[in-house]
Amino acid sequence: MAYDLLDVTGILFKRRRYQEADLLAKLWTRELGIVTVIIKGGMRPKSPFNAVALPFTEGTFSILTKRRGISQLRATKDLKQHDELYSDLVKNAYLSYLFDLADHAFSEYQPLDEFYGLLVSAFKRIVAGQDPEIITQMVELQLLAAYGVMPHLASCLICGKEQGIFDYSIALGGVVCSDHFNRVQREHLSPKATGLIRTLGLIPIDRLGEIGVSDQLKLETRQAIRKIYQATVDLRLSSLNFLDEIRSDIFPKK
């Protein structure tokens, strides 16, 4: 298979040293999905890529690729970097976790479809200063579809009711209304927590406005989402461990 020189648009979200002077970086791209690129000489002080190959750099990347394996970065243009992220541990931790979570949901060169826009929009909103906890919980819930385990949130799993008081059932994989609370295994979430989970899991991110949510409610929904992941995906991400350390300084202990 011959190499093609392609321009791809997206975000460089991870990099690491490779051999003596090279870098390996991961790109989240609209055209090819997740792509690992080698950046020849990227560690050398005089390399033209030394400064641009930083995590969370947006732009257009010219890559030499076979659409499989490792591609090679050849040029960049229209780059936008976010130097403020390197001194903002909170934003950095949330973004590192979200891209790590998405990275595990897809194989390289697999089409990202609507999830490309989901992550890019989440990235821009967190950078702009919107509530990173709410944005993260929204992405976590919606990425479950990419893992093939999207919960049923639109209506009661048993009777189909769309309005009323709901709770979440991990055993059933979705929400149930109060008519069936005595018949199912459920999480005993507050109605507000279940309502927030339904909202974040169902609405497109571009329709998300400012939501006034207490820290206690965010903590309750975060713990519920963690249980859902443990029961369905059960990843072990170091980025999540680091984020939890950051969160421990933000949210009250229960």
Protein backbone atom coordinates (compact mmCIF):
# COMPACT_ATOMS: atom_id res chain seq x y z
CA MET A 1 0.00 0.00 0.00
CA ALA A 2 1.41 3.38 -1.04
CA TYR A 3 1.75 6.34 1.27
CA ASP A 4 -0.52 9.35 0.85
CA LEU A 5 0.24 12.89 2.00
CA LEU A 6 -2.96 14.09 3.66
CA ASP A 7 -4.06 17.12 5.61
CA VAL A 8 -6.09 16.23 8.69
CA THR A 9 -7.82 18.59 11.10
CA GLY A 10 -7.99 18.01 14.81
CA ILE A 11 -6.18 18.08 18.14
CA LEU A 12 -2.83 16.66 19.18
CA PHE A 13 -3.74 15.23 22.57
CA LYS A 14 -0.80 13.10 23.67
CA ARG A 15 2.90 12.76 23.01
CA ARG A 16 5.85 10.75 24.32
CA ARG A 17 9.52 10.39 23.57
CA TYR A 18 10.46 7.72 21.06
CA GLN A 19 14.05 6.58 20.70
CA GLU A 20 16.70 9.27 21.12
CA ALA A 21 15.30 12.38 19.44
CA ASP A 22 11.91 11.46 17.98
CA LEU A 23 8.41 11.84 19.34
CA LEU A 24 5.26 9.78 19.01
CA ALA A 25 2.07 11.83 19.15
CA LYS A 26 -1.61 11.00 18.95
CA LEU A 27 -4.02 13.07 16.91
CA TRP A 28 -7.80 13.23 17.26
CA THR A 29 -8.83 13.92 13.65
CA ARG A 30 -12.01 14.51 11.73
CA GLU A 31 -10.82 12.69 8.61
CA LEU A 32 -9.02 9.57 9.89
CA GLY A 33 -10.04 9.17 13.51
CA ILE A 34 -7.23 8.59 16.00
CA VAL A 35 -3.81 8.60 14.35
CA THR A 36 -0.40 7.98 15.87
CA VAL A 37 2.32 9.97 14.13
CA ILE A 38 6.09 9.90 14.45
CA ILE A 39 7.73 13.31 14.65
CA LYS A 40 11.27 12.87 13.41
CA GLY A 41 13.73 14.86 15.47
CA GLY A 42 10.91 16.35 17.52
CA MET A 43 13.02 16.33 20.70
CA ARG A 44 15.87 18.35 19.19
CA PRO A 45 15.94 21.98 20.38
CA LYS A 46 16.12 23.33 16.82
CA SER A 47 13.39 21.08 15.42
CA PRO A 48 10.56 23.01 13.74
CA PHE A 49 8.18 20.63 15.54
CA ASN A 50 9.65 21.06 19.01
CA ALA A 51 7.20 23.78 20.02
CA VAL A 52 4.16 22.82 17.97
CA ALA A 53 4.00 19.17 19.06
CA LEU A 54 2.55 20.02 22.47
CA PRO A 55 -0.53 18.34 23.92
CA PHE A 56 -3.83 20.12 23.21
CA THR A 57 -2.57 21.84 20.07
CA GLU A 58 -5.35 22.41 17.54
CA GLY A 59 -4.77 22.77 13.82
CA THR A 60 -4.15 21.10 10.50
CA PHE A 61 -1.51 18.39 10.35
CA SER A 62 0.04 17.16 7.10
CA ILE A 63 0.83 13.49 7.53
CA LEU A 64 2.36 10.79 5.39
CA THR A 65 0.11 7.80 5.96
CA LYS A 66 -0.95 4.36 4.79
CA ARG A 67 -4.11 4.66 6.93
CA ARG A 68 -2.72 1.99 9.22
CA GLY A 69 0.18 1.75 11.60
CA ILE A 70 2.27 4.79 12.45
CA SER A 71 2.03 7.78 10.15
CA GLN A 72 4.62 10.55 9.87
CA LEU A 73 4.06 14.23 10.59
CA ARG A 74 5.47 16.34 7.76
CA ALA A 75 4.07 19.84 8.32
CA THR A 76 1.53 21.87 10.30
CA LYS A 77 -0.54 24.97 9.70
CA ASP A 78 -3.21 27.11 11.34
CA LEU A 79 -2.13 25.96 14.76
CA LYS A 80 -3.73 27.17 17.96
CA GLN A 81 -1.99 26.41 21.22
CA HIS A 82 -3.28 26.85 24.73
CA ASP A 83 -0.32 27.72 26.90
CA GLU A 84 -2.64 28.46 29.82
CA LEU A 85 -3.48 24.76 30.11
CA TYR A 86 0.04 23.94 31.31
CA SER A 87 -0.45 26.03 34.44
CA ASP A 88 -4.10 25.08 34.99
CA LEU A 89 -3.98 21.64 36.60
CA VAL A 90 -7.76 21.37 36.81
CA LYS A 91 -8.43 21.91 33.10
CA ASN A 92 -5.42 19.82 32.16
CA ALA A 93 -6.54 16.90 34.33
CA TYR A 94 -10.08 16.90 32.98
CA LEU A 95 -8.96 17.14 29.34
CA SER A 96 -6.28 14.47 29.72
CA TYR A 97 -8.85 12.09 31.17
CA LEU A 98 -11.47 12.79 28.48
CA PHE A 99 -9.08 12.15 25.60
CA ASP A 100 -7.70 9.08 27.34
CA LEU A 101 -11.23 7.74 27.77
CA ALA A 102 -12.04 8.43 24.12
CA ASP A 103 -8.72 6.94 23.00
CA HIS A 104 -9.71 3.63 24.60
CA ALA A 105 -13.11 3.62 22.90
CA PHE A 106 -11.79 3.54 19.32
CA SER A 107 -9.22 1.69 17.29
CA GLU A 108 -6.83 3.81 15.26
CA TYR A 109 -8.21 4.98 11.90
CA GLN A 110 -11.72 4.00 12.99
CA PRO A 111 -14.31 6.66 12.00
CA LEU A 112 -15.25 8.79 14.99
CA ASP A 113 -18.55 9.99 13.51
CA GLU A 114 -20.41 12.26 15.95
CA PHE A 115 -17.86 11.59 18.69
CA TYR A 116 -15.28 13.74 16.90
CA GLY A 117 -17.46 16.78 17.44
CA LEU A 118 -18.37 15.70 20.97
CA LEU A 119 -14.73 15.75 22.12
CA VAL A 120 -13.80 18.89 20.20
CA SER A 121 -16.78 20.76 21.62
CA ALA A 122 -16.00 19.50 25.14
CA PHE A 123 -12.39 20.61 24.68
CA LYS A 124 -13.36 24.12 23.58
CA ARG A 125 -15.91 24.51 26.37
CA ILE A 126 -13.48 23.46 29.09
CA VAL A 127 -10.76 25.72 27.68
CA ALA A 128 -13.29 28.58 27.63
CA GLY A 129 -13.98 28.09 31.33
CA GLN A 130 -17.28 26.19 31.37
CA ASP A 131 -17.84 23.74 34.22
CA PRO A 132 -15.39 20.89 33.50
CA GLU A 133 -17.21 18.45 35.79
CA ILE A 134 -20.53 18.80 33.98
CA ILE A 135 -18.83 18.63 30.56
CA THR A 136 -16.89 15.54 31.64
CA GLN A 137 -19.95 13.73 32.93
CA MET A 138 -21.76 14.47 29.67
CA VAL A 139 -18.90 13.04 27.62
CA GLU A 140 -18.59 10.00 29.90
CA LEU A 141 -22.27 9.17 29.48
CA GLN A 142 -22.36 9.70 25.72
CA LEU A 143 -19.11 7.81 25.11
CA LEU A 144 -20.73 4.70 26.53
CA ALA A 145 -22.36 4.34 23.11
CA ALA A 146 -18.90 4.12 21.53
CA TYR A 147 -18.10 1.30 23.95
CA GLY A 148 -21.31 -0.45 22.92
CA VAL A 149 -23.02 -0.17 26.30
CA MET A 150 -25.12 2.98 26.04
CA PRO A 151 -27.70 2.99 28.86
CA HIS A 152 -31.40 3.48 28.18
CA LEU A 153 -32.21 6.97 29.45
CA ALA A 154 -35.08 8.29 27.36
CA SER A 155 -37.88 6.41 29.11
CA CYS A 156 -38.66 3.79 31.72
CA LEU A 157 -37.23 0.46 30.66
CA ILE A 158 -40.29 -1.37 31.94
CA CYS A 159 -43.30 0.69 30.88
CA GLY A 160 -41.89 3.32 28.54
CA LYS A 161 -42.99 6.32 30.63
CA GLU A 162 -41.00 9.44 29.73
CA GLN A 163 -42.07 11.82 32.52
CA GLY A 164 -42.10 11.43 36.28
CA ILE A 165 -39.67 10.37 38.99
CA PHE A 166 -36.90 8.00 37.88
CA ASP A 167 -34.02 6.04 39.31
CA TYR A 168 -31.15 4.24 37.61
CA SER A 169 -30.85 0.46 37.51
CA ILE A 170 -27.40 -0.90 36.70
CA ALA A 171 -28.85 -4.40 36.54
CA LEU A 172 -31.30 -3.38 33.82
CA GLY A 173 -29.02 -0.90 32.07
CA GLY A 174 -31.14 2.22 32.26
CA VAL A 175 -33.77 4.19 34.10
CA VAL A 176 -36.99 2.99 35.66
CA CYS A 177 -39.91 5.10 36.84
CA SER A 178 -41.28 5.21 40.38
CA ASP A 179 -44.12 2.82 39.45
CA HIS A 180 -41.58 -0.01 39.54
CA PHE A 181 -39.21 1.01 42.33
CA ASN A 182 -40.30 -1.88 44.55
CA ARG A 183 -39.75 -4.47 41.83
CA VAL A 184 -36.23 -3.74 40.57
CA GLN A 185 -32.68 -3.45 41.79
CA ARG A 186 -31.83 0.25 41.60
CA GLU A 187 -29.28 2.78 42.80
CA HIS A 188 -31.58 4.88 45.02
CA LEU A 189 -30.38 8.11 43.44
CA SER A 190 -32.12 11.35 44.20
CA PRO A 191 -34.63 12.41 41.52
CA LYS A 192 -32.39 15.39 40.71
CA ALA A 193 -29.39 13.13 40.15
CA THR A 194 -31.30 10.82 37.82
CA GLY A 195 -32.71 13.84 36.01
CA LEU A 196 -29.23 15.27 35.50
CA ILE A 197 -27.89 11.97 34.22
CA ARG A 198 -30.76 11.74 31.73
CA THR A 199 -30.16 15.30 30.55
CA LEU A 200 -26.42 14.90 30.13
CA GLY A 201 -26.75 11.54 28.43
CA LEU A 202 -29.41 12.57 25.94
CA ILE A 203 -28.94 16.15 24.74
CA PRO A 204 -26.33 17.11 22.11
CA ILE A 205 -23.42 18.97 23.64
CA ASP A 206 -24.02 21.97 21.39
CA ARG A 207 -27.39 22.43 23.11
CA LEU A 208 -25.91 22.43 26.58
CA GLY A 209 -26.31 25.78 28.27
CA GLU A 210 -25.18 26.90 31.67
CA ILE A 211 -26.49 24.51 34.32
CA GLY A 212 -26.56 25.55 37.95
CA VAL A 213 -25.66 22.36 39.80
CA SER A 214 -24.52 22.08 43.40
CA ASP A 215 -21.25 20.36 44.21
CA GLN A 216 -23.15 17.73 46.17
CA LEU A 217 -25.31 16.87 43.15
CA LYS A 218 -22.25 16.71 40.89
CA LEU A 219 -20.66 14.34 43.38
CA GLU A 220 -23.74 12.11 43.44
CA THR A 221 -23.94 11.86 39.65
CA ARG A 222 -20.18 11.34 39.36
CA GLN A 223 -20.34 8.41 41.75
CA ALA A 224 -23.30 6.94 39.82
CA ILE A 225 -21.47 7.25 36.50
CA ARG A 226 -18.42 5.61 38.06
CA LYS A 227 -20.58 2.64 39.06
CA ILE A 228 -22.01 2.41 35.54
CA TYR A 229 -18.51 2.32 34.07
CA GLN A 230 -17.30 -0.25 36.58
CA ALA A 231 -20.23 -2.50 35.70
CA THR A 232 -19.92 -2.15 31.92
CA VAL A 233 -16.46 -1.01 30.79
CA ASP A 234 -14.25 -1.17 33.91
CA LEU A 235 -11.17 0.65 32.64
CA ARG A 236 -8.08 1.32 34.73
CA LEU A 237 -6.89 4.75 33.60
CA SER A 238 -4.01 6.55 35.29
CA SER A 239 -5.48 9.80 33.96
CA LEU A 240 -8.61 9.13 36.02
CA ASN A 241 -6.55 8.53 39.14
CA PHE A 242 -4.86 11.89 38.65
CA LEU A 243 -8.19 13.61 38.00
CA ASP A 244 -9.59 12.09 41.19
CA GLU A 245 -6.71 13.65 43.13
CA ILE A 246 -7.60 17.03 41.64
CA ARG A 247 -11.30 16.47 42.32
CA SER A 248 -10.62 15.68 45.97
CA ASP A 249 -9.61 19.31 46.43
CA ILE A 250 -12.77 20.59 44.73
CA PHE A 251 -15.64 18.43 45.96
CA PRO A 252 -16.72 17.71 49.52
CA LYS A 253 -16.16 14.30 50.98
CA LYS A 254 -19.38 12.34 51.43
